[in-house]
């Protein structure tokens, strides 16, 4: 007796439609961004015991990572730890072309760097720049797609979600990178510097690190931080910062407090720790204070605070507005130059 054909249930059809929708979103995002993702190969001179580079040494060290073109004229964002101290950089584009590149500037404190492709004429006209998103608008649980070159495997795609926001991560320079994105989109050596992308194909972060041997705990630097750092590297070649001496993260502010003080934003920066003998300690800042403004500029998140603590603030008194419990305070603070 012949078997009856298996009929798909409505639940099966619904699951298939859901998976198809998810697949279409990932595929569309990858197709939009992957032509801009590059492989970065770096040559670094072997250093002597005294720290001096031996550029002519045949035992030249090689490394690499990923990056992405963010302007049509060949500027690439990547990680500082990928290109730091490079004597020679070679970039492989998504279409297979290889070209030399040079460093515009790198910032170990945020583990970000900008390099420029050495292309000319028609070669440069074929470049495709990625669209950049807004990391301030991210929410835990939304889709996250990582594209890069782990272990040299070109244009590898992994997908997951935004696991958490507002993480702190210590960079290889020893400084804390604040407001880092945590994701479970798998990252491996070689993914460093590649883009973290949302479902619309906009870059929301720069992939930077994993925690080994943990699985599913990976980190990316928010694209808002990357945009600010890139603009300063293009202007000055380095980042000169002022420093107040706190560790902090972005948090929501209670709606009643927002309404009572007519705050222009619903988030601020909560102080998690205050360093001894720091400008913040001298100003009377305490753990648990929520910073909502610096001078006349509102502070909606750690990215805002980083942008405002520029070289122009070094040694200049400014007013920091904080919410302590439910009280609004204005503290006089003298930022110092970060070393």
C-alpha atoms as a PDB file:
ATOM      1  CA  UNK A   1       0.000   0.000   0.000  1.00  0.00           C
ATOM      2  CA  UNK A   2       1.611   3.303  -1.067  1.00  0.00           C
ATOM      3  CA  UNK A   3       2.475   5.788   1.666  1.00  0.00           C
ATOM      4  CA  UNK A   4       0.578   9.027   1.790  1.00  0.00           C
ATOM      5  CA  UNK A   5       2.644  12.115   0.952  1.00  0.00           C
ATOM      6  CA  UNK A   6       3.730  14.179   3.931  1.00  0.00           C
ATOM      7  CA  UNK A   7       1.777  17.420   4.042  1.00  0.00           C
ATOM      8  CA  UNK A   8       3.294  20.549   5.508  1.00  0.00           C
ATOM      9  CA  UNK A   9       1.379  21.863   8.491  1.00  0.00           C
ATOM     10  CA  UNK A  10       0.584  25.535   8.920  1.00  0.00           C
ATOM     11  CA  UNK A  11       3.212  25.659  11.675  1.00  0.00           C
ATOM     12  CA  UNK A  12       5.838  24.211   9.289  1.00  0.00           C
ATOM     13  CA  UNK A  13       4.887  26.773   6.644  1.00  0.00           C
ATOM     14  CA  UNK A  14       5.136  29.579   9.187  1.00  0.00           C
ATOM     15  CA  UNK A  15       8.587  28.400  10.306  1.00  0.00           C
ATOM     16  CA  UNK A  16       9.756  28.171   6.699  1.00  0.00           C
ATOM     17  CA  UNK A  17       8.487  31.668   5.950  1.00  0.00           C
ATOM     18  CA  UNK A  18      10.236  32.997   9.053  1.00  0.00           C
ATOM     19  CA  UNK A  19      13.520  31.333   8.112  1.00  0.00           C
ATOM     20  CA  UNK A  20      13.205  32.577   4.546  1.00  0.00           C
ATOM     21  CA  UNK A  21      12.702  36.108   5.837  1.00  0.00           C
ATOM     22  CA  UNK A  22      15.754  35.814   8.089  1.00  0.00           C
ATOM     23  CA  UNK A  23      17.848  34.412   5.246  1.00  0.00           C
ATOM     24  CA  UNK A  24      16.756  37.174   2.902  1.00  0.00           C
ATOM     25  CA  UNK A  25      17.715  39.830   5.445  1.00  0.00           C
ATOM     26  CA  UNK A  26      21.179  38.326   5.982  1.00  0.00           C
ATOM     27  CA  UNK A  27      21.741  37.802   2.261  1.00  0.00           C
ATOM     28  CA  UNK A  28      20.704  41.357   1.360  1.00  0.00           C
ATOM     29  CA  UNK A  29      22.941  42.857   4.057  1.00  0.00           C
ATOM     30  CA  UNK A  30      25.930  40.767   2.960  1.00  0.00           C
ATOM     31  CA  UNK A  31      25.433  41.642  -0.708  1.00  0.00           C
ATOM     32  CA  UNK A  32      25.389  45.326   0.189  1.00  0.00           C
ATOM     33  CA  UNK A  33      28.505  45.322   2.374  1.00  0.00           C
ATOM     34  CA  UNK A  34      30.803  42.468   1.259  1.00  0.00           C
ATOM     35  CA  UNK A  35      32.132  44.287  -1.869  1.00  0.00           C
ATOM     36  CA  UNK A  36      33.666  46.844   0.523  1.00  0.00           C
ATOM     37  CA  UNK A  37      35.305  44.323   2.901  1.00  0.00           C
ATOM     38  CA  UNK A  38      39.046  43.839   2.425  1.00  0.00           C
ATOM     39  CA  UNK A  39      41.828  41.597   3.656  1.00  0.00           C
ATOM     40  CA  UNK A  40      44.718  43.522   5.260  1.00  0.00           C
ATOM     41  CA  UNK A  41      48.159  41.906   5.180  1.00  0.00           C
ATOM     42  CA  UNK A  42      50.776  43.583   7.361  1.00  0.00           C
ATOM     43  CA  UNK A  43      54.562  43.311   7.464  1.00  0.00           C
ATOM     44  CA  UNK A  44      56.242  44.399  10.686  1.00  0.00           C
ATOM     45  CA  UNK A  45      59.951  44.704  11.414  1.00  0.00           C
ATOM     46  CA  UNK A  46      61.422  42.392  14.039  1.00  0.00           C
ATOM     47  CA  UNK A  47      62.432  44.427  17.074  1.00  0.00           C
ATOM     48  CA  UNK A  48      65.707  44.222  18.959  1.00  0.00           C
ATOM     49  CA  UNK A  49      65.827  43.855  22.721  1.00  0.00           C
ATOM     50  CA  UNK A  50      66.071  47.638  23.079  1.00  0.00           C
ATOM     51  CA  UNK A  51      62.838  48.125  21.152  1.00  0.00           C
ATOM     52  CA  UNK A  52      64.388  49.400  17.894  1.00  0.00           C
ATOM     53  CA  UNK A  53      62.949  48.049  14.656  1.00  0.00           C
ATOM     54  CA  UNK A  54      65.233  46.192  12.254  1.00  0.00           C
ATOM     55  CA  UNK A  55      63.437  46.957   8.988  1.00  0.00           C
ATOM     56  CA  UNK A  56      66.012  45.100   6.879  1.00  0.00           C
ATOM     57  CA  UNK A  57      65.844  41.919   8.939  1.00  0.00           C
ATOM     58  CA  UNK A  58      64.810  38.953   6.751  1.00  0.00           C
ATOM     59  CA  UNK A  59      62.829  37.566   9.679  1.00  0.00           C
ATOM     60  CA  UNK A  60      60.134  40.157   9.128  1.00  0.00           C
ATOM     61  CA  UNK A  61      56.965  39.370  11.049  1.00  0.00           C
ATOM     62  CA  UNK A  62      53.711  39.092   9.113  1.00  0.00           C
ATOM     63  CA  UNK A  63      50.144  39.415  10.327  1.00  0.00           C
ATOM     64  CA  UNK A  64      46.808  40.591   9.122  1.00  0.00           C
ATOM     65  CA  UNK A  65      43.149  41.161   9.611  1.00  0.00           C
ATOM     66  CA  UNK A  66      40.161  42.708   7.913  1.00  0.00           C
ATOM     67  CA  UNK A  67      38.912  46.179   7.115  1.00  0.00           C
ATOM     68  CA  UNK A  68      36.267  47.978   5.086  1.00  0.00           C
ATOM     69  CA  UNK A  69      36.246  50.839   2.603  1.00  0.00           C
ATOM     70  CA  UNK A  70      34.241  53.739   4.027  1.00  0.00           C
ATOM     71  CA  UNK A  71      34.936  56.470   1.443  1.00  0.00           C
ATOM     72  CA  UNK A  72      34.928  56.195  -2.368  1.00  0.00           C
ATOM     73  CA  UNK A  73      38.531  57.458  -2.575  1.00  0.00           C
ATOM     74  CA  UNK A  74      39.951  54.428  -0.754  1.00  0.00           C
ATOM     75  CA  UNK A  75      39.965  55.130   2.981  1.00  0.00           C
ATOM     76  CA  UNK A  76      39.702  51.946   5.040  1.00  0.00           C
ATOM     77  CA  UNK A  77      38.743  51.466   8.698  1.00  0.00           C
ATOM     78  CA  UNK A  78      40.433  48.649  10.578  1.00  0.00           C
ATOM     79  CA  UNK A  79      41.860  47.863  14.027  1.00  0.00           C
ATOM     80  CA  UNK A  80      44.921  49.616  15.383  1.00  0.00           C
ATOM     81  CA  UNK A  81      46.373  46.298  16.538  1.00  0.00           C
ATOM     82  CA  UNK A  82      46.229  45.034  12.934  1.00  0.00           C
ATOM     83  CA  UNK A  83      48.394  47.803  11.408  1.00  0.00           C
ATOM     84  CA  UNK A  84      50.325  49.255  14.366  1.00  0.00           C
ATOM     85  CA  UNK A  85      54.071  49.554  13.630  1.00  0.00           C
ATOM     86  CA  UNK A  86      53.569  48.229  10.093  1.00  0.00           C
ATOM     87  CA  UNK A  87      56.474  48.688   7.690  1.00  0.00           C
ATOM     88  CA  UNK A  88      54.397  47.571   4.708  1.00  0.00           C
ATOM     89  CA  UNK A  89      50.651  47.032   4.176  1.00  0.00           C
ATOM     90  CA  UNK A  90      49.014  45.155   1.323  1.00  0.00           C
ATOM     91  CA  UNK A  91      45.251  45.050   0.829  1.00  0.00           C
ATOM     92  CA  UNK A  92      43.258  42.464  -1.111  1.00  0.00           C
ATOM     93  CA  UNK A  93      39.907  43.772  -2.329  1.00  0.00           C
ATOM     94  CA  UNK A  94      36.753  41.679  -2.589  1.00  0.00           C
ATOM     95  CA  UNK A  95      37.211  41.410  -6.388  1.00  0.00           C
ATOM     96  CA  UNK A  96      40.701  39.934  -5.955  1.00  0.00           C
ATOM     97  CA  UNK A  97      42.745  43.046  -6.751  1.00  0.00           C
ATOM     98  CA  UNK A  98      45.792  43.654  -4.561  1.00  0.00           C
ATOM     99  CA  UNK A  99      47.148  47.090  -3.770  1.00  0.00           C
ATOM    100  CA  UNK A 100      49.578  48.675  -1.312  1.00  0.00           C
ATOM    101  CA  UNK A 101      48.259  50.941   1.440  1.00  0.00           C
ATOM    102  CA  UNK A 102      49.682  53.282   4.044  1.00  0.00           C
ATOM    103  CA  UNK A 103      48.552  54.303   7.530  1.00  0.00           C
ATOM    104  CA  UNK A 104      46.839  57.669   7.917  1.00  0.00           C
ATOM    105  CA  UNK A 105      46.653  57.316  11.698  1.00  0.00           C
ATOM    106  CA  UNK A 106      45.941  54.787  14.408  1.00  0.00           C
ATOM    107  CA  UNK A 107      44.583  55.106  17.919  1.00  0.00           C
ATOM    108  CA  UNK A 108      45.540  52.265  20.275  1.00  0.00           C
ATOM    109  CA  UNK A 109      43.202  53.633  22.973  1.00  0.00           C
ATOM    110  CA  UNK A 110      40.150  52.709  20.875  1.00  0.00           C
ATOM    111  CA  UNK A 111      41.907  50.046  18.761  1.00  0.00           C
ATOM    112  CA  UNK A 112      40.952  51.874  15.563  1.00  0.00           C
ATOM    113  CA  UNK A 113      43.016  52.883  12.548  1.00  0.00           C
ATOM    114  CA  UNK A 114      42.530  54.493   9.149  1.00  0.00           C
ATOM    115  CA  UNK A 115      44.609  53.395   6.160  1.00  0.00           C
ATOM    116  CA  UNK A 116      44.491  54.593   2.562  1.00  0.00           C
ATOM    117  CA  UNK A 117      44.697  52.460  -0.559  1.00  0.00           C
ATOM    118  CA  UNK A 118      47.378  53.561  -3.000  1.00  0.00           C
ATOM    119  CA  UNK A 119      45.174  53.390  -6.100  1.00  0.00           C
ATOM    120  CA  UNK A 120      45.026  55.825  -8.983  1.00  0.00           C
ATOM    121  CA  UNK A 121      42.668  56.779 -11.794  1.00  0.00           C
ATOM    122  CA  UNK A 122      40.247  54.099 -12.942  1.00  0.00           C
ATOM    123  CA  UNK A 123      41.420  51.700 -10.225  1.00  0.00           C
ATOM    124  CA  UNK A 124      40.040  53.963  -7.486  1.00  0.00           C
ATOM    125  CA  UNK A 125      36.772  54.670  -9.316  1.00  0.00           C
ATOM    126  CA  UNK A 126      35.631  51.054  -8.896  1.00  0.00           C
ATOM    127  CA  UNK A 127      35.692  51.190  -5.089  1.00  0.00           C
ATOM    128  CA  UNK A 128      32.423  50.831  -3.195  1.00  0.00           C
ATOM    129  CA  UNK A 129      32.039  52.465   0.236  1.00  0.00           C
ATOM    130  CA  UNK A 130      29.903  50.952   2.979  1.00  0.00           C
ATOM    131  CA  UNK A 131      26.926  52.810   4.487  1.00  0.00           C
ATOM    132  CA  UNK A 132      27.537  53.662   8.145  1.00  0.00           C
ATOM    133  CA  UNK A 133      24.766  53.296  10.737  1.00  0.00           C
ATOM    134  CA  UNK A 134      24.154  54.718  14.213  1.00  0.00           C
ATOM    135  CA  UNK A 135      25.333  52.605  17.162  1.00  0.00           C
ATOM    136  CA  UNK A 136      23.402  54.842  19.582  1.00  0.00           C
ATOM    137  CA  UNK A 137      20.175  53.323  18.226  1.00  0.00           C
ATOM    138  CA  UNK A 138      21.118  49.680  18.817  1.00  0.00           C
ATOM    139  CA  UNK A 139      19.073  47.395  21.052  1.00  0.00           C
ATOM    140  CA  UNK A 140      19.993  44.004  22.557  1.00  0.00           C
ATOM    141  CA  UNK A 141      18.489  41.163  20.559  1.00  0.00           C
ATOM    142  CA  UNK A 142      18.622  42.762  17.129  1.00  0.00           C
ATOM    143  CA  UNK A 143      20.391  40.998  14.276  1.00  0.00           C
ATOM    144  CA  UNK A 144      24.164  41.364  13.891  1.00  0.00           C
ATOM    145  CA  UNK A 145      26.203  40.102  10.937  1.00  0.00           C
ATOM    146  CA  UNK A 146      30.006  39.904  10.917  1.00  0.00           C
ATOM    147  CA  UNK A 147      31.986  39.852   7.671  1.00  0.00           C
ATOM    148  CA  UNK A 148      35.730  39.312   7.524  1.00  0.00           C
ATOM    149  CA  UNK A 149      38.645  37.056   6.666  1.00  0.00           C
ATOM    150  CA  UNK A 150      39.217  34.654   9.604  1.00  0.00           C
ATOM    151  CA  UNK A 151      42.362  32.575   9.112  1.00  0.00           C
ATOM    152  CA  UNK A 152      42.583  34.000   5.592  1.00  0.00           C
ATOM    153  CA  UNK A 153      39.203  32.645   4.430  1.00  0.00           C
ATOM    154  CA  UNK A 154      38.000  35.553   2.296  1.00  0.00           C
ATOM    155  CA  UNK A 155      34.548  37.123   2.857  1.00  0.00           C
ATOM    156  CA  UNK A 156      33.389  34.806   5.654  1.00  0.00           C
ATOM    157  CA  UNK A 157      29.925  35.618   7.030  1.00  0.00           C
ATOM    158  CA  UNK A 158      28.610  34.817  10.508  1.00  0.00           C
ATOM    159  CA  UNK A 159      25.347  35.986  12.029  1.00  0.00           C
ATOM    160  CA  UNK A 160      23.899  36.375  15.488  1.00  0.00           C
ATOM    161  CA  UNK A 161      22.425  39.083  17.663  1.00  0.00           C
ATOM    162  CA  UNK A 162      23.503  42.070  19.730  1.00  0.00           C
ATOM    163  CA  UNK A 163      24.059  40.335  23.071  1.00  0.00           C
ATOM    164  CA  UNK A 164      24.647  43.448  25.181  1.00  0.00           C
ATOM    165  CA  UNK A 165      25.597  47.119  24.962  1.00  0.00           C
ATOM    166  CA  UNK A 166      27.772  49.372  27.100  1.00  0.00           C
ATOM    167  CA  UNK A 167      30.529  46.841  27.730  1.00  0.00           C
ATOM    168  CA  UNK A 168      34.080  47.897  28.606  1.00  0.00           C
ATOM    169  CA  UNK A 169      37.062  46.206  26.981  1.00  0.00           C
ATOM    170  CA  UNK A 170      40.742  46.781  27.723  1.00  0.00           C
ATOM    171  CA  UNK A 171      42.682  47.567  24.561  1.00  0.00           C
ATOM    172  CA  UNK A 172      46.166  46.220  23.910  1.00  0.00           C
ATOM    173  CA  UNK A 173      47.501  49.648  24.947  1.00  0.00           C
ATOM    174  CA  UNK A 174      46.124  49.046  28.457  1.00  0.00           C
ATOM    175  CA  UNK A 175      43.313  51.635  28.319  1.00  0.00           C
ATOM    176  CA  UNK A 176      39.652  50.738  28.615  1.00  0.00           C
ATOM    177  CA  UNK A 177      37.513  51.052  25.514  1.00  0.00           C
ATOM    178  CA  UNK A 178      34.074  52.085  26.737  1.00  0.00           C
ATOM    179  CA  UNK A 179      30.612  51.405  25.303  1.00  0.00           C
ATOM    180  CA  UNK A 180      31.652  48.300  23.346  1.00  0.00           C
ATOM    181  CA  UNK A 181      29.072  46.118  21.569  1.00  0.00           C
ATOM    182  CA  UNK A 182      28.890  42.465  22.643  1.00  0.00           C
ATOM    183  CA  UNK A 183      27.654  40.001  20.021  1.00  0.00           C
ATOM    184  CA  UNK A 184      27.422  36.239  19.547  1.00  0.00           C
ATOM    185  CA  UNK A 185      28.188  36.507  15.808  1.00  0.00           C
ATOM    186  CA  UNK A 186      31.277  34.280  15.670  1.00  0.00           C
ATOM    187  CA  UNK A 187      34.649  36.027  15.326  1.00  0.00           C
ATOM    188  CA  UNK A 188      38.037  34.386  14.842  1.00  0.00           C
ATOM    189  CA  UNK A 189      41.605  35.604  14.274  1.00  0.00           C
ATOM    190  CA  UNK A 190      41.521  37.539  11.020  1.00  0.00           C
ATOM    191  CA  UNK A 191      38.064  39.025  11.641  1.00  0.00           C
ATOM    192  CA  UNK A 192      39.674  41.951  13.481  1.00  0.00           C
ATOM    193  CA  UNK A 193      38.853  45.236  11.762  1.00  0.00           C
ATOM    194  CA  UNK A 194      35.960  43.864   9.734  1.00  0.00           C
ATOM    195  CA  UNK A 195      32.432  45.309   9.858  1.00  0.00           C
ATOM    196  CA  UNK A 196      29.563  44.330  12.146  1.00  0.00           C
ATOM    197  CA  UNK A 197      26.408  44.967  10.136  1.00  0.00           C
ATOM    198  CA  UNK A 198      22.694  45.307  10.906  1.00  0.00           C
ATOM    199  CA  UNK A 199      19.800  43.838   8.932  1.00  0.00           C
ATOM    200  CA  UNK A 200      19.667  46.925   6.674  1.00  0.00           C
ATOM    201  CA  UNK A 201      23.260  46.493   5.573  1.00  0.00           C
ATOM    202  CA  UNK A 202      24.593  49.406   7.600  1.00  0.00           C
ATOM    203  CA  UNK A 203      27.855  49.077   9.521  1.00  0.00           C
ATOM    204  CA  UNK A 204      27.181  49.382  13.252  1.00  0.00           C
ATOM    205  CA  UNK A 205      30.560  48.351  14.633  1.00  0.00           C
ATOM    206  CA  UNK A 206      34.184  47.414  13.970  1.00  0.00           C
ATOM    207  CA  UNK A 207      34.920  43.843  15.064  1.00  0.00           C
ATOM    208  CA  UNK A 208      37.818  43.771  17.484  1.00  0.00           C
ATOM    209  CA  UNK A 209      38.073  40.876  19.952  1.00  0.00           C
ATOM    210  CA  UNK A 210      36.916  37.561  21.310  1.00  0.00           C
ATOM    211  CA  UNK A 211      37.265  35.992  24.743  1.00  0.00           C
ATOM    212  CA  UNK A 212      38.976  32.615  24.591  1.00  0.00           C
ATOM    213  CA  UNK A 213      38.105  29.850  25.348  1.00  0.00           C
ATOM    214  CA  UNK A 214      34.552  31.206  25.700  1.00  0.00           C
ATOM    215  CA  UNK A 215      32.166  30.708  22.790  1.00  0.00           C
ATOM    216  CA  UNK A 216      29.726  33.338  21.590  1.00  0.00           C
ATOM    217  CA  UNK A 217      31.323  36.254  23.458  1.00  0.00           C
ATOM    218  CA  UNK A 218      32.707  38.663  20.852  1.00  0.00           C
ATOM    219  CA  UNK A 219      33.115  42.423  20.769  1.00  0.00           C
ATOM    220  CA  UNK A 220      32.923  45.312  18.322  1.00  0.00           C
ATOM    221  CA  UNK A 221      33.626  49.027  18.715  1.00  0.00           C
ATOM    222  CA  UNK A 222      30.498  51.126  18.069  1.00  0.00           C
ATOM    223  CA  UNK A 223      30.478  52.850  14.690  1.00  0.00           C
ATOM    224  CA  UNK A 224      29.713  56.238  16.294  1.00  0.00           C
ATOM    225  CA  UNK A 225      33.027  56.019  18.147  1.00  0.00           C
ATOM    226  CA  UNK A 226      34.715  54.877  14.930  1.00  0.00           C
ATOM    227  CA  UNK A 227      33.323  57.818  12.933  1.00  0.00           C
ATOM    228  CA  UNK A 228      34.604  60.320  15.490  1.00  0.00           C
ATOM    229  CA  UNK A 229      38.047  58.699  15.749  1.00  0.00           C
ATOM    230  CA  UNK A 230      38.365  58.438  11.958  1.00  0.00           C
ATOM    231  CA  UNK A 231      37.559  62.131  11.500  1.00  0.00           C
ATOM    232  CA  UNK A 232      40.270  63.147  13.997  1.00  0.00           C
ATOM    233  CA  UNK A 233      42.834  60.751  12.491  1.00  0.00           C
ATOM    234  CA  UNK A 234      42.162  62.233   9.062  1.00  0.00           C
ATOM    235  CA  UNK A 235      42.566  65.757  10.423  1.00  0.00           C
ATOM    236  CA  UNK A 236      45.517  65.330  12.791  1.00  0.00           C
ATOM    237  CA  UNK A 237      46.910  61.826  12.269  1.00  0.00           C
ATOM    238  CA  UNK A 238      46.413  61.079  15.978  1.00  0.00           C
ATOM    239  CA  UNK A 239      43.934  61.573  18.809  1.00  0.00           C
ATOM    240  CA  UNK A 240      44.814  64.103  21.509  1.00  0.00           C
ATOM    241  CA  UNK A 241      42.359  63.778  24.375  1.00  0.00           C
ATOM    242  CA  UNK A 242      41.493  65.337  27.663  1.00  0.00           C
ATOM    243  CA  UNK A 243      41.010  63.055  30.636  1.00  0.00           C
ATOM    244  CA  UNK A 244      38.782  63.128  33.717  1.00  0.00           C
ATOM    245  CA  UNK A 245      39.513  59.709  35.259  1.00  0.00           C
ATOM    246  CA  UNK A 246      36.282  57.708  35.323  1.00  0.00           C
ATOM    247  CA  UNK A 247      35.043  54.368  34.034  1.00  0.00           C
ATOM    248  CA  UNK A 248      31.470  54.638  32.824  1.00  0.00           C
ATOM    249  CA  UNK A 249      28.719  53.295  30.609  1.00  0.00           C
ATOM    250  CA  UNK A 250      25.527  54.518  28.967  1.00  0.00           C
ATOM    251  CA  UNK A 251      22.299  54.032  30.956  1.00  0.00           C
ATOM    252  CA  UNK A 252      18.657  55.108  30.663  1.00  0.00           C
ATOM    253  CA  UNK A 253      17.451  57.901  32.961  1.00  0.00           C
ATOM    254  CA  UNK A 254      14.138  57.530  34.784  1.00  0.00           C
ATOM    255  CA  UNK A 255      11.370  59.312  32.898  1.00  0.00           C
ATOM    256  CA  UNK A 256      10.298  61.282  35.962  1.00  0.00           C
ATOM    257  CA  UNK A 257      13.811  62.701  36.303  1.00  0.00           C
ATOM    258  CA  UNK A 258      13.910  63.527  32.576  1.00  0.00           C
ATOM    259  CA  UNK A 259      10.579  65.389  32.813  1.00  0.00           C
ATOM    260  CA  UNK A 260      11.347  67.118  36.108  1.00  0.00           C
ATOM    261  CA  UNK A 261      14.631  68.608  34.872  1.00  0.00           C
ATOM    262  CA  UNK A 262      13.487  68.947  31.217  1.00  0.00           C
ATOM    263  CA  UNK A 263      16.491  66.952  30.042  1.00  0.00           C
ATOM    264  CA  UNK A 264      16.923  66.885  26.247  1.00  0.00           C
ATOM    265  CA  UNK A 265      17.723  63.130  26.241  1.00  0.00           C
ATOM    266  CA  UNK A 266      16.554  60.013  28.076  1.00  0.00           C
ATOM    267  CA  UNK A 267      20.006  58.485  28.579  1.00  0.00           C
ATOM    268  CA  UNK A 268      23.201  59.547  30.328  1.00  0.00           C
ATOM    269  CA  UNK A 269      26.560  58.211  31.502  1.00  0.00           C
ATOM    270  CA  UNK A 270      26.711  56.452  34.863  1.00  0.00           C
ATOM    271  CA  UNK A 271      30.032  56.635  36.723  1.00  0.00           C
ATOM    272  CA  UNK A 272      31.200  53.121  37.636  1.00  0.00           C
ATOM    273  CA  UNK A 273      34.509  54.144  39.176  1.00  0.00           C
ATOM    274  CA  UNK A 274      36.611  57.245  39.920  1.00  0.00           C
ATOM    275  CA  UNK A 275      40.414  57.139  39.820  1.00  0.00           C
ATOM    276  CA  UNK A 276      42.442  58.528  42.697  1.00  0.00           C
ATOM    277  CA  UNK A 277      44.118  61.915  42.119  1.00  0.00           C
ATOM    278  CA  UNK A 278      42.066  62.420  38.961  1.00  0.00           C
ATOM    279  CA  UNK A 279      40.179  65.536  37.797  1.00  0.00           C
ATOM    280  CA  UNK A 280      36.915  63.711  38.506  1.00  0.00           C
ATOM    281  CA  UNK A 281      37.945  62.984  42.098  1.00  0.00           C
ATOM    282  CA  UNK A 282      39.005  66.616  42.612  1.00  0.00           C
ATOM    283  CA  UNK A 283      35.653  67.798  41.231  1.00  0.00           C
ATOM    284  CA  UNK A 284      33.713  65.639  43.697  1.00  0.00           C
ATOM    285  CA  UNK A 285      32.325  63.127  41.193  1.00  0.00           C
ATOM    286  CA  UNK A 286      31.121  59.901  42.836  1.00  0.00           C
ATOM    287  CA  UNK A 287      30.296  56.372  41.753  1.00  0.00           C
ATOM    288  CA  UNK A 288      26.634  56.206  40.729  1.00  0.00           C
ATOM    289  CA  UNK A 289      26.490  59.802  39.476  1.00  0.00           C
ATOM    290  CA  UNK A 290      24.889  60.084  36.035  1.00  0.00           C
ATOM    291  CA  UNK A 291      26.585  62.633  33.770  1.00  0.00           C
ATOM    292  CA  UNK A 292      24.013  64.418  31.584  1.00  0.00           C
ATOM    293  CA  UNK A 293      25.983  67.413  30.284  1.00  0.00           C
ATOM    294  CA  UNK A 294      29.504  68.780  29.888  1.00  0.00           C
ATOM    295  CA  UNK A 295      29.559  72.538  29.560  1.00  0.00           C
ATOM    296  CA  UNK A 296      26.442  73.381  27.566  1.00  0.00           C
ATOM    297  CA  UNK A 297      26.524  70.142  25.577  1.00  0.00           C
ATOM    298  CA  UNK A 298      24.153  67.308  26.515  1.00  0.00           C
ATOM    299  CA  UNK A 299      25.715  63.894  27.155  1.00  0.00           C
ATOM    300  CA  UNK A 300      23.452  61.039  26.047  1.00  0.00           C
ATOM    301  CA  UNK A 301      26.097  58.321  26.140  1.00  0.00           C
ATOM    302  CA  UNK A 302      29.764  57.436  26.456  1.00  0.00           C
ATOM    303  CA  UNK A 303      30.302  58.257  22.780  1.00  0.00           C
ATOM    304  CA  UNK A 304      29.134  61.826  23.480  1.00  0.00           C
ATOM    305  CA  UNK A 305      31.486  62.136  26.456  1.00  0.00           C
ATOM    306  CA  UNK A 306      34.429  60.903  24.365  1.00  0.00           C
ATOM    307  CA  UNK A 307      33.625  63.409  21.635  1.00  0.00           C
ATOM    308  CA  UNK A 308      33.450  66.297  24.103  1.00  0.00           C
ATOM    309  CA  UNK A 309      36.697  65.446  25.931  1.00  0.00           C
ATOM    310  CA  UNK A 310      38.881  66.817  23.157  1.00  0.00           C
ATOM    311  CA  UNK A 311      42.227  68.578  23.224  1.00  0.00           C
ATOM    312  CA  UNK A 312      40.380  71.903  23.526  1.00  0.00           C
ATOM    313  CA  UNK A 313      39.269  70.925  27.050  1.00  0.00           C
ATOM    314  CA  UNK A 314      42.771  70.276  28.418  1.00  0.00           C
ATOM    315  CA  UNK A 315      43.322  72.467  31.501  1.00  0.00           C
ATOM    316  CA  UNK A 316      40.136  74.445  30.863  1.00  0.00           C
ATOM    317  CA  UNK A 317      37.521  74.638  33.615  1.00  0.00           C
ATOM    318  CA  UNK A 318      34.120  73.412  32.520  1.00  0.00           C
ATOM    319  CA  UNK A 319      30.869  72.558  34.251  1.00  0.00           C
ATOM    320  CA  UNK A 320      29.773  68.947  34.466  1.00  0.00           C
ATOM    321  CA  UNK A 321      26.068  68.412  35.145  1.00  0.00           C
ATOM    322  CA  UNK A 322      25.206  65.200  36.986  1.00  0.00           C
ATOM    323  CA  UNK A 323      22.170  63.539  38.507  1.00  0.00           C
ATOM    324  CA  UNK A 324      22.970  62.192  41.979  1.00  0.00           C
ATOM    325  CA  UNK A 325      20.057  60.069  43.140  1.00  0.00           C
ATOM    326  CA  UNK A 326      17.328  62.544  42.115  1.00  0.00           C
ATOM    327  CA  UNK A 327      19.296  65.767  42.684  1.00  0.00           C
ATOM    328  CA  UNK A 328      20.790  67.779  39.834  1.00  0.00           C
ATOM    329  CA  UNK A 329      24.321  69.083  40.569  1.00  0.00           C
ATOM    330  CA  UNK A 330      26.817  71.187  38.644  1.00  0.00           C
ATOM    331  CA  UNK A 331      30.475  70.380  39.330  1.00  0.00           C
ATOM    332  CA  UNK A 332      33.496  72.417  38.228  1.00  0.00           C
ATOM    333  CA  UNK A 333      36.084  70.128  36.594  1.00  0.00           C
ATOM    334  CA  UNK A 334      39.521  70.705  35.010  1.00  0.00           C
ATOM    335  CA  UNK A 335      40.258  67.923  32.481  1.00  0.00           C
ATOM    336  CA  UNK A 336      43.918  66.998  31.976  1.00  0.00           C
ATOM    337  CA  UNK A 337      45.617  65.715  28.846  1.00  0.00           C
ATOM    338  CA  UNK A 338      45.480  61.952  28.557  1.00  0.00           C
ATOM    339  CA  UNK A 339      48.937  60.364  28.409  1.00  0.00           C
END
